[in-house]
C-alpha atoms as a PDB file:
ATOM      1  CA  UNK A   1      15.430 -22.768   1.181  1.00  0.00           C
ATOM      2  CA  UNK A   2      14.662 -19.620  -0.848  1.00  0.00           C
ATOM      3  CA  UNK A   3      17.152 -16.951  -1.902  1.00  0.00           C
ATOM      4  CA  UNK A   4      15.698 -13.448  -1.803  1.00  0.00           C
ATOM      5  CA  UNK A   5      17.344 -10.771  -3.960  1.00  0.00           C
ATOM      6  CA  UNK A   6      16.905  -7.168  -2.740  1.00  0.00           C
ATOM      7  CA  UNK A   7      18.942  -4.837  -4.925  1.00  0.00           C
ATOM      8  CA  UNK A   8      18.877  -3.460  -8.479  1.00  0.00           C
ATOM      9  CA  UNK A   9      15.849  -5.008 -10.246  1.00  0.00           C
ATOM     10  CA  UNK A  10      17.565  -5.187 -13.656  1.00  0.00           C
ATOM     11  CA  UNK A  11      20.515  -7.027 -12.182  1.00  0.00           C
ATOM     12  CA  UNK A  12      18.015  -9.198 -10.303  1.00  0.00           C
ATOM     13  CA  UNK A  13      16.682 -10.437 -13.651  1.00  0.00           C
ATOM     14  CA  UNK A  14      20.194 -11.634 -14.499  1.00  0.00           C
ATOM     15  CA  UNK A  15      20.444 -13.367 -11.132  1.00  0.00           C
ATOM     16  CA  UNK A  16      17.078 -15.056 -11.738  1.00  0.00           C
ATOM     17  CA  UNK A  17      18.233 -16.387 -15.124  1.00  0.00           C
ATOM     18  CA  UNK A  18      21.478 -17.701 -13.643  1.00  0.00           C
ATOM     19  CA  UNK A  19      19.731 -19.364 -10.719  1.00  0.00           C
ATOM     20  CA  UNK A  20      17.263 -21.024 -13.104  1.00  0.00           C
ATOM     21  CA  UNK A  21      20.183 -22.577 -15.016  1.00  0.00           C
ATOM     22  CA  UNK A  22      22.867 -23.123 -12.363  1.00  0.00           C
ATOM     23  CA  UNK A  23      20.780 -23.774  -9.231  1.00  0.00           C
ATOM     24  CA  UNK A  24      17.235 -24.689 -10.281  1.00  0.00           C
ATOM     25  CA  UNK A  25      16.660 -26.470  -6.954  1.00  0.00           C
ATOM     26  CA  UNK A  26      16.987 -23.158  -5.019  1.00  0.00           C
ATOM     27  CA  UNK A  27      13.871 -20.994  -5.295  1.00  0.00           C
ATOM     28  CA  UNK A  28      14.777 -17.426  -6.285  1.00  0.00           C
ATOM     29  CA  UNK A  29      12.575 -14.450  -5.425  1.00  0.00           C
ATOM     30  CA  UNK A  30      13.077 -10.747  -6.220  1.00  0.00           C
ATOM     31  CA  UNK A  31      12.193  -8.143  -3.582  1.00  0.00           C
ATOM     32  CA  UNK A  32       9.433  -7.240  -2.674  1.00  0.00           C
ATOM     33  CA  UNK A  33       7.905 -10.560  -3.816  1.00  0.00           C
ATOM     34  CA  UNK A  34       9.224 -12.529  -0.845  1.00  0.00           C
ATOM     35  CA  UNK A  35       6.592 -15.272  -0.920  1.00  0.00           C
ATOM     36  CA  UNK A  36       6.521 -17.120   2.392  1.00  0.00           C
ATOM     37  CA  UNK A  37       8.940 -15.233   4.681  1.00  0.00           C
ATOM     38  CA  UNK A  38       9.623 -18.418   6.658  1.00  0.00           C
ATOM     39  CA  UNK A  39      11.103 -20.102   3.553  1.00  0.00           C
ATOM     40  CA  UNK A  40      13.771 -17.426   2.954  1.00  0.00           C
ATOM     41  CA  UNK A  41      17.159 -18.731   4.125  1.00  0.00           C
ATOM     42  CA  UNK A  42      19.422 -16.493   2.029  1.00  0.00           C
ATOM     43  CA  UNK A  43      19.276 -12.759   1.339  1.00  0.00           C
ATOM     44  CA  UNK A  44      21.439 -11.039  -1.314  1.00  0.00           C
ATOM     45  CA  UNK A  45      21.172  -7.283  -0.817  1.00  0.00           C
ATOM     46  CA  UNK A  46      22.791  -3.870  -0.725  1.00  0.00           C
ATOM     47  CA  UNK A  47      20.680  -2.921   2.281  1.00  0.00           C
ATOM     48  CA  UNK A  48      18.730  -5.391   4.448  1.00  0.00           C
ATOM     49  CA  UNK A  49      15.104  -4.605   5.233  1.00  0.00           C
ATOM     50  CA  UNK A  50      14.242  -2.894   8.485  1.00  0.00           C
ATOM     51  CA  UNK A  51      13.560  -5.351  11.297  1.00  0.00           C
ATOM     52  CA  UNK A  52      15.441  -8.140   9.562  1.00  0.00           C
ATOM     53  CA  UNK A  53      14.589 -10.879  12.047  1.00  0.00           C
ATOM     54  CA  UNK A  54      10.853 -10.228  12.029  1.00  0.00           C
ATOM     55  CA  UNK A  55      10.748  -9.820   8.228  1.00  0.00           C
ATOM     56  CA  UNK A  56      12.792 -12.970   7.528  1.00  0.00           C
ATOM     57  CA  UNK A  57      12.574 -15.148  10.659  1.00  0.00           C
ATOM     58  CA  UNK A  58      14.576 -18.111   9.297  1.00  0.00           C
ATOM     59  CA  UNK A  59      17.345 -16.188   7.559  1.00  0.00           C
ATOM     60  CA  UNK A  60      20.706 -17.957   7.758  1.00  0.00           C
ATOM     61  CA  UNK A  61      23.015 -16.039   5.390  1.00  0.00           C
ATOM     62  CA  UNK A  62      23.132 -12.350   4.471  1.00  0.00           C
ATOM     63  CA  UNK A  63      25.102 -11.695   1.260  1.00  0.00           C
ATOM     64  CA  UNK A  64      26.290  -8.153   0.515  1.00  0.00           C
ATOM     65  CA  UNK A  65      26.069  -7.406  -3.213  1.00  0.00           C
ATOM     66  CA  UNK A  66      27.772  -4.033  -2.689  1.00  0.00           C
ATOM     67  CA  UNK A  67      31.463  -3.244  -2.463  1.00  0.00           C
ATOM     68  CA  UNK A  68      31.513  -4.053   1.255  1.00  0.00           C
ATOM     69  CA  UNK A  69      29.314  -4.354   4.315  1.00  0.00           C
ATOM     70  CA  UNK A  70      29.765  -0.870   5.776  1.00  0.00           C
ATOM     71  CA  UNK A  71      26.175   0.007   4.883  1.00  0.00           C
ATOM     72  CA  UNK A  72      24.830  -2.794   7.101  1.00  0.00           C
ATOM     73  CA  UNK A  73      23.795  -2.009  10.659  1.00  0.00           C
ATOM     74  CA  UNK A  74      25.359  -5.139  12.102  1.00  0.00           C
ATOM     75  CA  UNK A  75      23.833  -4.439  15.513  1.00  0.00           C
ATOM     76  CA  UNK A  76      20.507  -5.568  13.986  1.00  0.00           C
ATOM     77  CA  UNK A  77      21.969  -8.813  12.630  1.00  0.00           C
ATOM     78  CA  UNK A  78      21.809 -11.675  15.153  1.00  0.00           C
ATOM     79  CA  UNK A  79      24.985 -13.744  15.649  1.00  0.00           C
ATOM     80  CA  UNK A  80      23.411 -16.871  14.108  1.00  0.00           C
ATOM     81  CA  UNK A  81      23.172 -15.108  10.700  1.00  0.00           C
ATOM     82  CA  UNK A  82      26.343 -15.385   8.625  1.00  0.00           C
ATOM     83  CA  UNK A  83      27.299 -12.164   6.833  1.00  0.00           C
ATOM     84  CA  UNK A  84      29.137 -12.667   3.531  1.00  0.00           C
ATOM     85  CA  UNK A  85      30.937  -9.974   1.585  1.00  0.00           C
ATOM     86  CA  UNK A  86      30.782 -11.133  -2.006  1.00  0.00           C
ATOM     87  CA  UNK A  87      33.730 -10.341  -4.243  1.00  0.00           C
ATOM     88  CA  UNK A  88      33.721 -10.428  -8.013  1.00  0.00           C
ATOM     89  CA  UNK A  89      36.094  -8.781 -10.510  1.00  0.00           C
ATOM     90  CA  UNK A  90      33.609  -6.065 -11.515  1.00  0.00           C
ATOM     91  CA  UNK A  91      33.430  -4.694  -7.967  1.00  0.00           C
ATOM     92  CA  UNK A  92      37.210  -4.514  -7.635  1.00  0.00           C
ATOM     93  CA  UNK A  93      37.630  -2.934 -11.083  1.00  0.00           C
ATOM     94  CA  UNK A  94      34.899  -0.377 -10.355  1.00  0.00           C
ATOM     95  CA  UNK A  95      36.520   0.628  -7.056  1.00  0.00           C
ATOM     96  CA  UNK A  96      39.933   0.976  -8.734  1.00  0.00           C
ATOM     97  CA  UNK A  97      38.399   3.249 -11.399  1.00  0.00           C
ATOM     98  CA  UNK A  98      36.602   5.330  -8.757  1.00  0.00           C
ATOM     99  CA  UNK A  99      39.721   5.829  -6.640  1.00  0.00           C
ATOM    100  CA  UNK A 100      41.868   6.569  -9.710  1.00  0.00           C
ATOM    101  CA  UNK A 101      39.438   9.272 -10.832  1.00  0.00           C
ATOM    102  CA  UNK A 102      39.365  10.790  -7.335  1.00  0.00           C
ATOM    103  CA  UNK A 103      43.182  10.910  -7.145  1.00  0.00           C
ATOM    104  CA  UNK A 104      43.484  12.438 -10.625  1.00  0.00           C
ATOM    105  CA  UNK A 105      40.783  14.991  -9.807  1.00  0.00           C
ATOM    106  CA  UNK A 106      42.783  16.177  -6.794  1.00  0.00           C
ATOM    107  CA  UNK A 107      46.203  15.868  -8.460  1.00  0.00           C
ATOM    108  CA  UNK A 108      45.193  17.787 -11.592  1.00  0.00           C
ATOM    109  CA  UNK A 109      43.087  20.318  -9.699  1.00  0.00           C
ATOM    110  CA  UNK A 110      39.927  19.329 -11.563  1.00  0.00           C
ATOM    111  CA  UNK A 111      37.551  20.253  -8.763  1.00  0.00           C
ATOM    112  CA  UNK A 112      34.489  21.728 -10.429  1.00  0.00           C
ATOM    113  CA  UNK A 113      35.122  20.020 -13.773  1.00  0.00           C
ATOM    114  CA  UNK A 114      32.645  17.462 -15.029  1.00  0.00           C
ATOM    115  CA  UNK A 115      35.038  14.573 -15.648  1.00  0.00           C
ATOM    116  CA  UNK A 116      32.657  12.947 -18.113  1.00  0.00           C
ATOM    117  CA  UNK A 117      32.168  15.921 -20.445  1.00  0.00           C
ATOM    118  CA  UNK A 118      35.310  17.897 -19.586  1.00  0.00           C
ATOM    119  CA  UNK A 119      33.300  21.098 -19.183  1.00  0.00           C
ATOM    120  CA  UNK A 120      33.492  23.403 -16.203  1.00  0.00           C
ATOM    121  CA  UNK A 121      30.378  23.246 -14.043  1.00  0.00           C
ATOM    122  CA  UNK A 122      28.764  26.444 -12.921  1.00  0.00           C
ATOM    123  CA  UNK A 123      30.432  27.329  -9.639  1.00  0.00           C
ATOM    124  CA  UNK A 124      28.533  30.503  -8.777  1.00  0.00           C
ATOM    125  CA  UNK A 125      25.933  30.974  -6.114  1.00  0.00           C
ATOM    126  CA  UNK A 126      23.533  33.751  -5.411  1.00  0.00           C
ATOM    127  CA  UNK A 127      23.081  35.299  -2.007  1.00  0.00           C
ATOM    128  CA  UNK A 128      19.972  37.008  -0.738  1.00  0.00           C
ATOM    129  CA  UNK A 129      20.618  40.356   0.933  1.00  0.00           C
ATOM    130  CA  UNK A 130      20.192  40.387   4.691  1.00  0.00           C
ATOM    131  CA  UNK A 131      17.793  43.079   5.813  1.00  0.00           C
END
């Protein structure tokens, strides 16, 4: 009954620590160290591996650690595998910040401005003469 984590390795270290404390009875493995593929029942990922069923033949639950599941090719996920969109406050807050910045960029005509430094990015291009 192993949980396999396939996303940001640094965040995976945090997951490993939490699983060791909160769910020590569930083996936790970071990608690509999957151990015995037959023992993996749960996969937490941003993007599942190619050929999901052959890679993880006994997978039961696919958890999306991203903001949604749009990145998943659900045609490759058999109906017996439950797909879970995980929600936590950080994801919602991050999306709100992203959308707010996008709206302000359009509203204040900041296209071409580096919103982090406030400086104008180089907007010129060079063209090769056509002979």
